[in-house]
Each structure stands twice: as C-alpha cells, then as structure tokens.
PDB file of N, CA and C in Angstrom:
ATOM      1  N   MET A   1     126.564  12.478-102.910  1.00  0.00           N
ATOM      2  CA  MET A   1     126.827  12.577-101.586  1.00  0.00           C
ATOM      3  C   MET A   1     125.901  13.388-100.922  1.00  0.00           C
ATOM      4  N   SER A   2     125.215  13.149 -99.817  1.00  0.00           N
ATOM      5  CA  SER A   2     124.245  13.751 -99.115  1.00  0.00           C
ATOM      6  C   SER A   2     124.951  14.793 -98.369  1.00  0.00           C
ATOM      7  N   ASP A   3     124.093  15.558 -97.802  1.00  0.00           N
ATOM      8  CA  ASP A   3     124.579  16.933 -96.827  1.00  0.00           C
ATOM      9  C   ASP A   3     125.697  16.280 -95.767  1.00  0.00           C
ATOM     10  N   GLN A   4     125.331  15.278 -94.990  1.00  0.00           N
ATOM     11  CA  GLN A   4     126.315  14.698 -94.069  1.00  0.00           C
ATOM     12  C   GLN A   4     127.087  13.392 -94.757  1.00  0.00           C
ATOM     13  N   PRO A   5     128.337  13.457 -94.773  1.00  0.00           N
ATOM     14  CA  PRO A   5     129.216  12.240 -95.297  1.00  0.00           C
ATOM     15  C   PRO A   5     128.823  11.169 -94.582  1.00  0.00           C
ATOM     16  N   THR A   6     128.918  10.117 -95.249  1.00  0.00           N
ATOM     17  CA  THR A   6     129.026   8.725 -94.487  1.00  0.00           C
ATOM     18  C   THR A   6     130.264   8.556 -94.066  1.00  0.00           C
ATOM     19  N   ILE A   7     130.273   8.033 -92.970  1.00  0.00           N
ATOM     20  CA  ILE A   7     131.685   7.563 -92.168  1.00  0.00           C
ATOM     21  C   ILE A   7     131.779   6.136 -91.687  1.00  0.00           C
ATOM     22  N   ALA A   8     132.868   5.779 -92.032  1.00  0.00           N
ATOM     23  CA  ALA A   8     133.098   4.250 -91.428  1.00  0.00           C
ATOM     24  C   ALA A   8     134.447   4.232 -90.718  1.00  0.00           C
ATOM     25  N   THR A   9     134.582   3.272 -89.780  1.00  0.00           N
ATOM     26  CA  THR A   9     135.837   3.287 -89.107  1.00  0.00           C
ATOM     27  C   THR A   9     136.444   2.010 -89.019  1.00  0.00           C
ATOM     28  N   TYR A  10     137.706   1.885 -88.914  1.00  0.00           N
ATOM     29  CA  TYR A  10     138.384   0.611 -88.504  1.00  0.00           C
ATOM     30  C   TYR A  10     139.446   0.763 -87.564  1.00  0.00           C
ATOM     31  N   VAL A  11     138.980   0.792 -86.206  1.00  0.00           N
ATOM     32  CA  VAL A  11     139.728   1.159 -85.150  1.00  0.00           C
ATOM     33  C   VAL A  11     139.493  -0.072 -84.239  1.00  0.00           C
ATOM     34  N   PRO A  12     140.124  -1.116 -84.286  1.00  0.00           N
ATOM     35  CA  PRO A  12     140.063  -2.253 -83.445  1.00  0.00           C
ATOM     36  C   PRO A  12     140.176  -2.044 -81.864  1.00  0.00           C
ATOM     37  N   ASP A  13     141.304  -1.229 -81.490  1.00  0.00           N
ATOM     38  CA  ASP A  13     141.517  -1.107 -80.160  1.00  0.00           C
ATOM     39  C   ASP A  13     140.161  -0.642 -79.416  1.00  0.00           C
ATOM     40  N   LEU A  14     139.810  -1.353 -78.334  1.00  0.00           N
ATOM     41  CA  LEU A  14     138.716  -0.821 -77.633  1.00  0.00           C
ATOM     42  C   LEU A  14     138.531   0.782 -77.228  1.00  0.00           C
ATOM     43  N   MET A  15     139.766   0.943 -76.512  1.00  0.00           N
ATOM     44  CA  MET A  15     139.666   2.308 -76.071  1.00  0.00           C
ATOM     45  C   MET A  15     139.603   3.131 -76.959  1.00  0.00           C
ATOM     46  N   ASP A  16     140.435   3.250 -78.184  1.00  0.00           N
ATOM     47  CA  ASP A  16     140.518   4.105 -79.315  1.00  0.00           C
ATOM     48  C   ASP A  16     139.101   4.190 -79.921  1.00  0.00           C
ATOM     49  N   GLN A  17     138.490   3.065 -80.049  1.00  0.00           N
ATOM     50  CA  GLN A  17     137.191   2.761 -80.646  1.00  0.00           C
ATOM     51  C   GLN A  17     136.068   3.584 -79.969  1.00  0.00           C
ATOM     52  N   SER A  18     136.381   3.509 -78.482  1.00  0.00           N
ATOM     53  CA  SER A  18     135.119   4.409 -77.690  1.00  0.00           C
ATOM     54  C   SER A  18     135.499   5.982 -78.049  1.00  0.00           C
ATOM     55  N   LYS A  19     136.411   6.336 -78.048  1.00  0.00           N
ATOM     56  CA  LYS A  19     136.855   7.583 -78.439  1.00  0.00           C
ATOM     57  C   LYS A  19     136.161   8.111 -79.807  1.00  0.00           C
ATOM     58  N   VAL A  20     136.481   7.229 -80.835  1.00  0.00           N
ATOM     59  CA  VAL A  20     135.874   7.490 -82.364  1.00  0.00           C
ATOM     60  C   VAL A  20     134.263   7.169 -82.348  1.00  0.00           C
ATOM     61  N   ARG A  21     133.772   6.333 -81.427  1.00  0.00           N
ATOM     62  CA  ARG A  21     132.300   6.091 -81.557  1.00  0.00           C
ATOM     63  C   ARG A  21     131.760   7.317 -80.862  1.00  0.00           C
ATOM     64  N   SER A  22     132.323   7.900 -79.845  1.00  0.00           N
ATOM     65  CA  SER A  22     131.761   9.016 -79.172  1.00  0.00           C
ATOM     66  C   SER A  22     131.576  10.180 -80.043  1.00  0.00           C
ATOM     67  N   ALA A  23     132.881  10.473 -80.783  1.00  0.00           N
ATOM     68  CA  ALA A  23     132.702  11.555 -81.930  1.00  0.00           C
ATOM     69  C   ALA A  23     131.769  11.424 -83.082  1.00  0.00           C
ATOM     70  N   PHE A  24     131.704  10.045 -83.507  1.00  0.00           N
ATOM     71  CA  PHE A  24     130.916   9.772 -84.537  1.00  0.00           C
ATOM     72  C   PHE A  24     129.851   8.575 -84.427  1.00  0.00           C
ATOM     73  N   PRO A  25     128.885   8.669 -83.462  1.00  0.00           N
ATOM     74  CA  PRO A  25     128.283   7.593 -83.307  1.00  0.00           C
ATOM     75  C   PRO A  25     127.453   6.896 -84.403  1.00  0.00           C
ATOM     76  N   ALA A  26     127.352   7.450 -85.279  1.00  0.00           N
ATOM     77  CA  ALA A  26     126.463   6.832 -86.560  1.00  0.00           C
ATOM     78  C   ALA A  26     127.400   6.224 -87.527  1.00  0.00           C
ATOM     79  N   ALA A  27     128.683   6.230 -87.355  1.00  0.00           N
ATOM     80  CA  ALA A  27     129.596   5.740 -88.282  1.00  0.00           C
ATOM     81  C   ALA A  27     129.548   4.235 -88.342  1.00  0.00           C
ATOM     82  N   GLU A  28     129.821   3.737 -89.489  1.00  0.00           N
ATOM     83  CA  GLU A  28     129.818   2.294 -89.762  1.00  0.00           C
ATOM     84  C   GLU A  28     130.781   1.735 -89.047  1.00  0.00           C
ATOM     85  N   LYS A  29     130.932   0.702 -88.514  1.00  0.00           N
ATOM     86  CA  LYS A  29     132.132  -0.024 -87.891  1.00  0.00           C
ATOM     87  C   LYS A  29     132.389  -1.154 -88.745  1.00  0.00           C
ATOM     88  N   ILE A  30     133.706  -0.938 -89.385  1.00  0.00           N
ATOM     89  CA  ILE A  30     134.206  -1.955 -90.189  1.00  0.00           C
ATOM     90  C   ILE A  30     134.901  -3.187 -89.436  1.00  0.00           C
ATOM     91  N   ARG A  31     134.472  -4.354 -89.544  1.00  0.00           N
ATOM     92  CA  ARG A  31     135.102  -5.446 -88.498  1.00  0.00           C
ATOM     93  C   ARG A  31     136.347  -6.011 -88.822  1.00  0.00           C
ATOM     94  N   SER A  32     136.994  -5.711 -90.091  1.00  0.00           N
ATOM     95  CA  SER A  32     138.163  -6.431 -90.592  1.00  0.00           C
ATOM     96  C   SER A  32     138.991  -5.457 -91.589  1.00  0.00           C
ATOM     97  N   ALA A  33     140.203  -5.440 -91.542  1.00  0.00           N
ATOM     98  CA  ALA A  33     140.998  -4.844 -92.326  1.00  0.00           C
ATOM     99  C   ALA A  33     140.547  -5.311 -94.013  1.00  0.00           C
ATOM    100  N   ALA A  34     140.424  -6.448 -94.269  1.00  0.00           N
ATOM    101  CA  ALA A  34     139.922  -6.799 -95.592  1.00  0.00           C
ATOM    102  C   ALA A  34     138.666  -6.429 -95.817  1.00  0.00           C
ATOM    103  N   ALA A  35     137.746  -6.160 -95.023  1.00  0.00           N
ATOM    104  CA  ALA A  35     136.344  -5.469 -95.453  1.00  0.00           C
ATOM    105  C   ALA A  35     136.728  -3.989 -95.927  1.00  0.00           C
ATOM    106  N   LEU A  36     137.893  -3.367 -95.443  1.00  0.00           N
ATOM    107  CA  LEU A  36     137.897  -2.107 -95.875  1.00  0.00           C
ATOM    108  C   LEU A  36     138.029  -1.504 -97.377  1.00  0.00           C
ATOM    109  N   GLY A  37     138.227  -2.693 -98.178  1.00  0.00           N
ATOM    110  CA  GLY A  37     138.317  -2.730 -99.638  1.00  0.00           C
ATOM    111  C   GLY A  37     137.100  -2.442-100.226  1.00  0.00           C
ATOM    112  N   SER A  38     135.988  -2.863 -99.666  1.00  0.00           N
ATOM    113  CA  SER A  38     134.715  -2.677-100.193  1.00  0.00           C
ATOM    114  C   SER A  38     133.820  -1.759 -99.623  1.00  0.00           C
ATOM    115  N   CYS A  39     134.543  -0.937 -98.553  1.00  0.00           N
ATOM    116  CA  CYS A  39     133.660   0.091 -98.036  1.00  0.00           C
ATOM    117  C   CYS A  39     133.254   1.080 -98.919  1.00  0.00           C
ATOM    118  N   THR A  40     132.053   1.608 -98.908  1.00  0.00           N
ATOM    119  CA  THR A  40     131.519   2.681 -99.762  1.00  0.00           C
ATOM    120  C   THR A  40     131.377   4.275 -99.213  1.00  0.00           C
ATOM    121  N   ALA A  41     131.870   4.092 -97.730  1.00  0.00           N
ATOM    122  CA  ALA A  41     131.765   5.534 -97.212  1.00  0.00           C
ATOM    123  C   ALA A  41     132.300   6.605 -97.783  1.00  0.00           C
ATOM    124  N   ASP A  42     131.949   8.078 -97.448  1.00  0.00           N
ATOM    125  CA  ASP A  42     132.759   8.969 -97.878  1.00  0.00           C
ATOM    126  C   ASP A  42     134.016   9.382 -97.138  1.00  0.00           C
ATOM    127  N   LEU A  43     134.114   8.969 -96.104  1.00  0.00           N
ATOM    128  CA  LEU A  43     135.176   9.241 -94.971  1.00  0.00           C
ATOM    129  C   LEU A  43     135.462   7.923 -94.363  1.00  0.00           C
ATOM    130  N   VAL A  44     136.632   7.529 -94.473  1.00  0.00           N
ATOM    131  CA  VAL A  44     136.924   6.237 -93.775  1.00  0.00           C
ATOM    132  C   VAL A  44     138.160   6.586 -92.896  1.00  0.00           C
ATOM    133  N   LEU A  45     138.073   6.317 -91.630  1.00  0.00           N
ATOM    134  CA  LEU A  45     139.118   6.707 -90.304  1.00  0.00           C
ATOM    135  C   LEU A  45     139.695   5.190 -90.243  1.00  0.00           C
ATOM    136  N   VAL A  46     140.945   5.000 -90.095  1.00  0.00           N
ATOM    137  CA  VAL A  46     141.691   3.773 -89.935  1.00  0.00           C
ATOM    138  C   VAL A  46     142.671   3.851 -88.925  1.00  0.00           C
ATOM    139  N   ASP A  47     142.990   2.799 -88.313  1.00  0.00           N
ATOM    140  CA  ASP A  47     144.209   2.622 -87.383  1.00  0.00           C
ATOM    141  C   ASP A  47     145.339   1.960 -88.590  1.00  0.00           C
ATOM    142  N   LEU A  48     146.345   2.713 -88.872  1.00  0.00           N
ATOM    143  CA  LEU A  48     147.189   2.349 -89.727  1.00  0.00           C
ATOM    144  C   LEU A  48     148.109   1.109 -89.362  1.00  0.00           C
ATOM    145  N   GLY A  49     148.158   1.156 -87.965  1.00  0.00           N
ATOM    146  CA  GLY A  49     149.148   0.171 -87.288  1.00  0.00           C
ATOM    147  C   GLY A  49     148.727  -1.521 -87.437  1.00  0.00           C
ATOM    148  N   ARG A  50     147.436  -1.465 -87.814  1.00  0.00           N
ATOM    149  CA  ARG A  50     146.741  -2.855 -87.656  1.00  0.00           C
ATOM    150  C   ARG A  50     147.149  -3.544 -88.854  1.00  0.00           C
ATOM    151  N   PRO A  51     147.334  -4.935 -88.668  1.00  0.00           N
ATOM    152  CA  PRO A  51     147.642  -5.726 -89.787  1.00  0.00           C
ATOM    153  C   PRO A  51     146.852  -5.793 -90.998  1.00  0.00           C
ATOM    154  N   GLY A  52     147.112  -5.554 -92.144  1.00  0.00           N
ATOM    155  CA  GLY A  52     146.320  -5.825 -93.291  1.00  0.00           C
ATOM    156  C   GLY A  52     145.862  -4.361 -93.855  1.00  0.00           C
ATOM    157  N   VAL A  53     145.991  -3.404 -93.064  1.00  0.00           N
ATOM    158  CA  VAL A  53     145.373  -1.904 -93.397  1.00  0.00           C
ATOM    159  C   VAL A  53     146.293  -1.557 -94.529  1.00  0.00           C
ATOM    160  N   LEU A  54     147.492  -1.562 -94.548  1.00  0.00           N
ATOM    161  CA  LEU A  54     148.314  -0.818 -95.599  1.00  0.00           C
ATOM    162  C   LEU A  54     148.104  -1.407 -97.091  1.00  0.00           C
ATOM    163  N   GLU A  55     147.812  -2.719 -96.980  1.00  0.00           N
ATOM    164  CA  GLU A  55     147.578  -3.489 -98.182  1.00  0.00           C
ATOM    165  C   GLU A  55     146.288  -3.079 -98.792  1.00  0.00           C
ATOM    166  N   VAL A  56     145.224  -2.686 -98.091  1.00  0.00           N
ATOM    167  CA  VAL A  56     143.865  -2.518 -98.644  1.00  0.00           C
ATOM    168  C   VAL A  56     143.744  -0.899 -99.010  1.00  0.00           C
ATOM    169  N   LEU A  57     144.853  -0.152 -98.566  1.00  0.00           N
ATOM    170  CA  LEU A  57     144.282   1.405 -98.559  1.00  0.00           C
ATOM    171  C   LEU A  57     144.024   1.713-100.299  1.00  0.00           C
ATOM    172  N   PRO A  58     144.792   1.133-101.134  1.00  0.00           N
ATOM    173  CA  PRO A  58     144.540   1.642-102.477  1.00  0.00           C
ATOM    174  C   PRO A  58     143.186   1.197-102.891  1.00  0.00           C
ATOM    175  N   ASP A  59     142.500   0.223-102.212  1.00  0.00           N
ATOM    176  CA  ASP A  59     141.182  -0.266-102.724  1.00  0.00           C
ATOM    177  C   ASP A  59     139.991   0.560-102.062  1.00  0.00           C
ATOM    178  N   ILE A  60     140.449   1.640-101.256  1.00  0.00           N
ATOM    179  CA  ILE A  60     138.935   2.344-100.505  1.00  0.00           C
ATOM    180  C   ILE A  60     138.920   3.271-101.305  1.00  0.00           C
ATOM    181  N   ALA A  61     137.383   3.361-101.681  1.00  0.00           N
ATOM    182  CA  ALA A  61     136.771   4.528-102.532  1.00  0.00           C
ATOM    183  C   ALA A  61     136.856   5.928-101.808  1.00  0.00           C
ATOM    184  N   GLY A  62     136.538   5.930-100.600  1.00  0.00           N
ATOM    185  CA  GLY A  62     136.202   7.193 -99.928  1.00  0.00           C
ATOM    186  C   GLY A  62     137.717   7.877 -99.621  1.00  0.00           C
ATOM    187  N   ARG A  63     137.618   9.106 -98.857  1.00  0.00           N
ATOM    188  CA  ARG A  63     138.653   9.950 -98.151  1.00  0.00           C
ATOM    189  C   ARG A  63     139.149   8.870 -97.120  1.00  0.00           C
ATOM    190  N   VAL A  64     140.470   8.589 -97.076  1.00  0.00           N
ATOM    191  CA  VAL A  64     141.266   7.958 -95.899  1.00  0.00           C
ATOM    192  C   VAL A  64     141.879   8.959 -95.219  1.00  0.00           C
ATOM    193  N   VAL A  65     141.504   8.771 -93.880  1.00  0.00           N
ATOM    194  CA  VAL A  65     142.249   9.338 -92.938  1.00  0.00           C
ATOM    195  C   VAL A  65     142.781   8.281 -91.955  1.00  0.00           C
ATOM    196  N   GLY A  66     144.087   8.102 -91.666  1.00  0.00           N
ATOM    197  CA  GLY A  66     144.529   7.193 -90.914  1.00  0.00           C
ATOM    198  C   GLY A  66     145.479   7.960 -89.794  1.00  0.00           C
ATOM    199  N   PHE A  67     145.693   6.994 -88.699  1.00  0.00           N
ATOM    200  CA  PHE A  67     146.493   7.483 -87.646  1.00  0.00           C
ATOM    201  C   PHE A  67     147.560   6.336 -87.593  1.00  0.00           C
ATOM    202  N   ALA A  68     148.802   6.764 -86.835  1.00  0.00           N
ATOM    203  CA  ALA A  68     149.568   5.763 -86.489  1.00  0.00           C
ATOM    204  C   ALA A  68     150.624   6.339 -85.316  1.00  0.00           C
ATOM    205  N   SER A  69     151.305   5.651 -84.525  1.00  0.00           N
ATOM    206  CA  SER A  69     152.222   6.089 -83.555  1.00  0.00           C
ATOM    207  C   SER A  69     153.080   7.151 -84.212  1.00  0.00           C
ATOM    208  N   HIS A  70     153.283   7.953 -83.320  1.00  0.00           N
ATOM    209  CA  HIS A  70     154.500   9.057 -83.878  1.00  0.00           C
ATOM    210  C   HIS A  70     155.862   8.580 -84.045  1.00  0.00           C
ATOM    211  N   VAL A  71     156.077   7.304 -83.587  1.00  0.00           N
ATOM    212  CA  VAL A  71     157.526   6.717 -83.904  1.00  0.00           C
ATOM    213  C   VAL A  71     157.458   5.694 -84.934  1.00  0.00           C
ATOM    214  N   ASP A  72     156.286   5.603 -85.521  1.00  0.00           N
ATOM    215  CA  ASP A  72     156.278   4.406 -86.689  1.00  0.00           C
ATOM    216  C   ASP A  72     156.323   5.225 -87.854  1.00  0.00           C
ATOM    217  N   ASP A  73     157.650   5.701 -88.286  1.00  0.00           N
ATOM    218  CA  ASP A  73     157.924   6.546 -89.459  1.00  0.00           C
ATOM    219  C   ASP A  73     157.596   5.447 -90.662  1.00  0.00           C
ATOM    220  N   GLU A  74     157.781   4.303 -90.487  1.00  0.00           N
ATOM    221  CA  GLU A  74     157.791   3.119 -91.747  1.00  0.00           C
ATOM    222  C   GLU A  74     156.333   3.239 -92.269  1.00  0.00           C
ATOM    223  N   VAL A  75     155.476   3.025 -91.000  1.00  0.00           N
ATOM    224  CA  VAL A  75     153.943   2.886 -91.251  1.00  0.00           C
ATOM    225  C   VAL A  75     153.392   4.218 -91.943  1.00  0.00           C
ATOM    226  N   ILE A  76     153.876   5.268 -91.249  1.00  0.00           N
ATOM    227  CA  ILE A  76     153.366   6.554 -91.970  1.00  0.00           C
ATOM    228  C   ILE A  76     153.795   6.836 -93.254  1.00  0.00           C
ATOM    229  N   ALA A  77     154.822   6.596 -93.834  1.00  0.00           N
ATOM    230  CA  ALA A  77     155.545   6.702 -95.091  1.00  0.00           C
ATOM    231  C   ALA A  77     154.771   5.575 -96.124  1.00  0.00           C
ATOM    232  N   LEU A  78     154.609   4.350 -95.633  1.00  0.00           N
ATOM    233  CA  LEU A  78     153.908   3.375 -96.347  1.00  0.00           C
ATOM    234  C   LEU A  78     152.437   3.849 -96.561  1.00  0.00           C
ATOM    235  N   ALA A  79     151.850   4.507 -95.693  1.00  0.00           N
ATOM    236  CA  ALA A  79     150.525   4.828 -95.692  1.00  0.00           C
ATOM    237  C   ALA A  79     150.351   6.007 -96.644  1.00  0.00           C
ATOM    238  N   TRP A  80     151.170   6.987 -96.791  1.00  0.00           N
ATOM    239  CA  TRP A  80     151.134   8.040 -97.744  1.00  0.00           C
ATOM    240  C   TRP A  80     151.458   7.430 -99.172  1.00  0.00           C
ATOM    241  N   ALA A  81     152.335   6.362 -99.333  1.00  0.00           N
ATOM    242  CA  ALA A  81     152.571   5.668-100.395  1.00  0.00           C
ATOM    243  C   ALA A  81     151.403   4.830-101.007  1.00  0.00           C
ATOM    244  N   ALA A  82     150.532   4.391-100.184  1.00  0.00           N
ATOM    245  CA  ALA A  82     149.495   3.577-100.531  1.00  0.00           C
ATOM    246  C   ALA A  82     148.205   4.264-100.973  1.00  0.00           C
ATOM    247  N   GLY A  83     148.439   5.701-100.828  1.00  0.00           N
ATOM    248  CA  GLY A  83     147.281   6.636-101.127  1.00  0.00           C
ATOM    249  C   GLY A  83     146.300   7.219 -99.940  1.00  0.00           C
ATOM    250  N   ALA A  84     146.582   6.973 -98.766  1.00  0.00           N
ATOM    251  CA  ALA A  84     145.886   7.600 -97.741  1.00  0.00           C
ATOM    252  C   ALA A  84     145.800   9.106 -97.971  1.00  0.00           C
ATOM    253  N   ASP A  85     144.775   9.718 -97.863  1.00  0.00           N
ATOM    254  CA  ASP A  85     144.665  11.094 -98.087  1.00  0.00           C
ATOM    255  C   ASP A  85     145.046  11.863 -96.961  1.00  0.00           C
ATOM    256  N   VAL A  86     145.226  11.558 -95.759  1.00  0.00           N
ATOM    257  CA  VAL A  86     145.554  12.309 -94.510  1.00  0.00           C
ATOM    258  C   VAL A  86     146.060  11.358 -93.727  1.00  0.00           C
ATOM    259  N   VAL A  87     147.431  11.654 -93.194  1.00  0.00           N
ATOM    260  CA  VAL A  87     148.032  10.522 -92.091  1.00  0.00           C
ATOM    261  C   VAL A  87     148.384  11.362 -91.082  1.00  0.00           C
ATOM    262  N   LEU A  88     147.826  10.983 -89.645  1.00  0.00           N
ATOM    263  CA  LEU A  88     148.030  11.849 -88.535  1.00  0.00           C
ATOM    264  C   LEU A  88     148.835  10.933 -87.619  1.00  0.00           C
ATOM    265  N   VAL A  89     149.650  11.531 -86.760  1.00  0.00           N
ATOM    266  CA  VAL A  89     150.091  10.907 -85.409  1.00  0.00           C
ATOM    267  C   VAL A  89     148.945  10.801 -84.452  1.00  0.00           C
ATOM    268  N   ARG A  90     148.836   9.630 -83.786  1.00  0.00           N
ATOM    269  CA  ARG A  90     147.766   9.503 -82.811  1.00  0.00           C
ATOM    270  C   ARG A  90     147.184  10.711 -82.039  1.00  0.00           C
ATOM    271  N   SER A  91     148.237  11.256 -81.408  1.00  0.00           N
ATOM    272  CA  SER A  91     147.614  12.519 -80.620  1.00  0.00           C
ATOM    273  C   SER A  91     147.063  13.504 -81.438  1.00  0.00           C
ATOM    274  N   VAL A  92     147.391  13.763 -82.502  1.00  0.00           N
ATOM    275  CA  VAL A  92     146.689  14.765 -83.367  1.00  0.00           C
ATOM    276  C   VAL A  92     145.312  14.179 -83.925  1.00  0.00           C
ATOM    277  N   PHE A  93     145.252  12.935 -84.167  1.00  0.00           N
ATOM    278  CA  PHE A  93     143.933  12.363 -84.758  1.00  0.00           C
ATOM    279  C   PHE A  93     142.979  12.355 -83.641  1.00  0.00           C
ATOM    280  N   PHE A  94     143.214  12.136 -82.388  1.00  0.00           N
ATOM    281  CA  PHE A  94     142.366  11.922 -81.286  1.00  0.00           C
ATOM    282  C   PHE A  94     142.131  13.481 -80.952  1.00  0.00           C
ATOM    283  N   ARG A  95     142.724  14.307 -80.998  1.00  0.00           N
ATOM    284  CA  ARG A  95     142.573  15.714 -80.578  1.00  0.00           C
ATOM    285  C   ARG A  95     141.485  16.341 -81.573  1.00  0.00           C
ATOM    286  N   ARG A  96     141.829  15.918 -82.684  1.00  0.00           N
ATOM    287  CA  ARG A  96     140.777  16.464 -83.858  1.00  0.00           C
ATOM    288  C   ARG A  96     139.383  15.770 -83.858  1.00  0.00           C
ATOM    289  N   LEU A  97     139.308  14.858 -83.281  1.00  0.00           N
ATOM    290  CA  LEU A  97     138.057  14.285 -82.997  1.00  0.00           C
ATOM    291  C   LEU A  97     136.751  15.170 -82.418  1.00  0.00           C
ATOM    292  N   SER A  98     137.303  16.012 -81.559  1.00  0.00           N
ATOM    293  CA  SER A  98     136.310  16.993 -81.024  1.00  0.00           C
ATOM    294  C   SER A  98     135.936  18.169 -81.899  1.00  0.00           C
ATOM    295  N   GLU A  99     136.591  18.107 -83.083  1.00  0.00           N
ATOM    296  CA  GLU A  99     136.411  19.300 -83.982  1.00  0.00           C
ATOM    297  C   GLU A  99     135.458  18.778 -85.042  1.00  0.00           C
ATOM    298  N   GLY A 100     134.954  17.538 -84.967  1.00  0.00           N
ATOM    299  CA  GLY A 100     133.952  17.040 -85.980  1.00  0.00           C
ATOM    300  C   GLY A 100     134.394  16.608 -87.229  1.00  0.00           C
ATOM    301  N   VAL A 101     133.586  16.316 -87.988  1.00  0.00           N
ATOM    302  CA  VAL A 101     133.859  15.581 -89.261  1.00  0.00           C
ATOM    303  C   VAL A 101     134.634  16.692 -90.151  1.00  0.00           C
ATOM    304  N   GLU A 102     134.440  17.840 -89.967  1.00  0.00           N
ATOM    305  CA  GLU A 102     135.019  18.980 -90.921  1.00  0.00           C
ATOM    306  C   GLU A 102     136.519  18.809 -90.923  1.00  0.00           C
ATOM    307  N   ALA A 103     137.084  18.333 -89.629  1.00  0.00           N
ATOM    308  CA  ALA A 103     138.533  18.470 -89.312  1.00  0.00           C
ATOM    309  C   ALA A 103     139.209  17.374 -90.087  1.00  0.00           C
ATOM    310  N   PHE A 104     138.432  16.373 -90.903  1.00  0.00           N
ATOM    311  CA  PHE A 104     138.912  15.303 -91.612  1.00  0.00           C
ATOM    312  C   PHE A 104     138.593  15.453 -92.984  1.00  0.00           C
ATOM    313  N   LEU A 105     137.743  16.305 -93.125  1.00  0.00           N
ATOM    314  CA  LEU A 105     137.267  16.540 -94.758  1.00  0.00           C
ATOM    315  C   LEU A 105     138.211  17.539 -95.348  1.00  0.00           C
ATOM    316  N   GLY A 106     138.695  18.574 -94.708  1.00  0.00           N
ATOM    317  CA  GLY A 106     139.553  19.788 -95.581  1.00  0.00           C
ATOM    318  C   GLY A 106     140.715  19.273 -96.319  1.00  0.00           C
TER     319      GLY A 106
END
C-alpha cells in the first residue's frame, strides 16, 4: 500500500455521490454491486441499501465502510454479519466525509 490509500466507492444516488466525490475526487467509481467483489482498493465506501451489496461484501478485499438509513436495522445487522469493517448511519457517514480518509481508516 502506498502512502495514500486507494479508495473506491459504490454510491449510486447522485446527490450522495456528489458529496462523496467532493471529499474524495480521485476515488474509483464502481458502477455495479457485482463489480465490488473484484475491487482492489484499500478502502471501499458503499451504500448498503443498494440491491446486491450485502451479497458481495464478503468478497471485497479492502476495508469496507458502509452506510445505511438509521431506521434500517436489518440492513445494518446484515452488513456487520457479512463482514463490513465499519457500518454507519447515513448522517454520521456524511458528516465524517469532511474529516478526510483518516475518519474511515481508524
């Protein structure tokens, strides 16, 4: 791993995507949940509420940080069970974007 970790994102919602791209402009944009399984980035940021994401979480090699709605307890529990390294509610995830990559590596 280089000094700067590689980052990939799977955040299909355009409003959410713009916030993530603003914080991490060099991040690789993953185009489908299925493509997450072959992602080689050090840090992978994902929208856990998207179809197919929970199924591929165990296949992702990098550190997985996902976000979900605060009322979606089932998705949050399933993400932890599937091996996500960090699971955050949406509001916390987007608040941490301003802190930079360090907020997601700890």
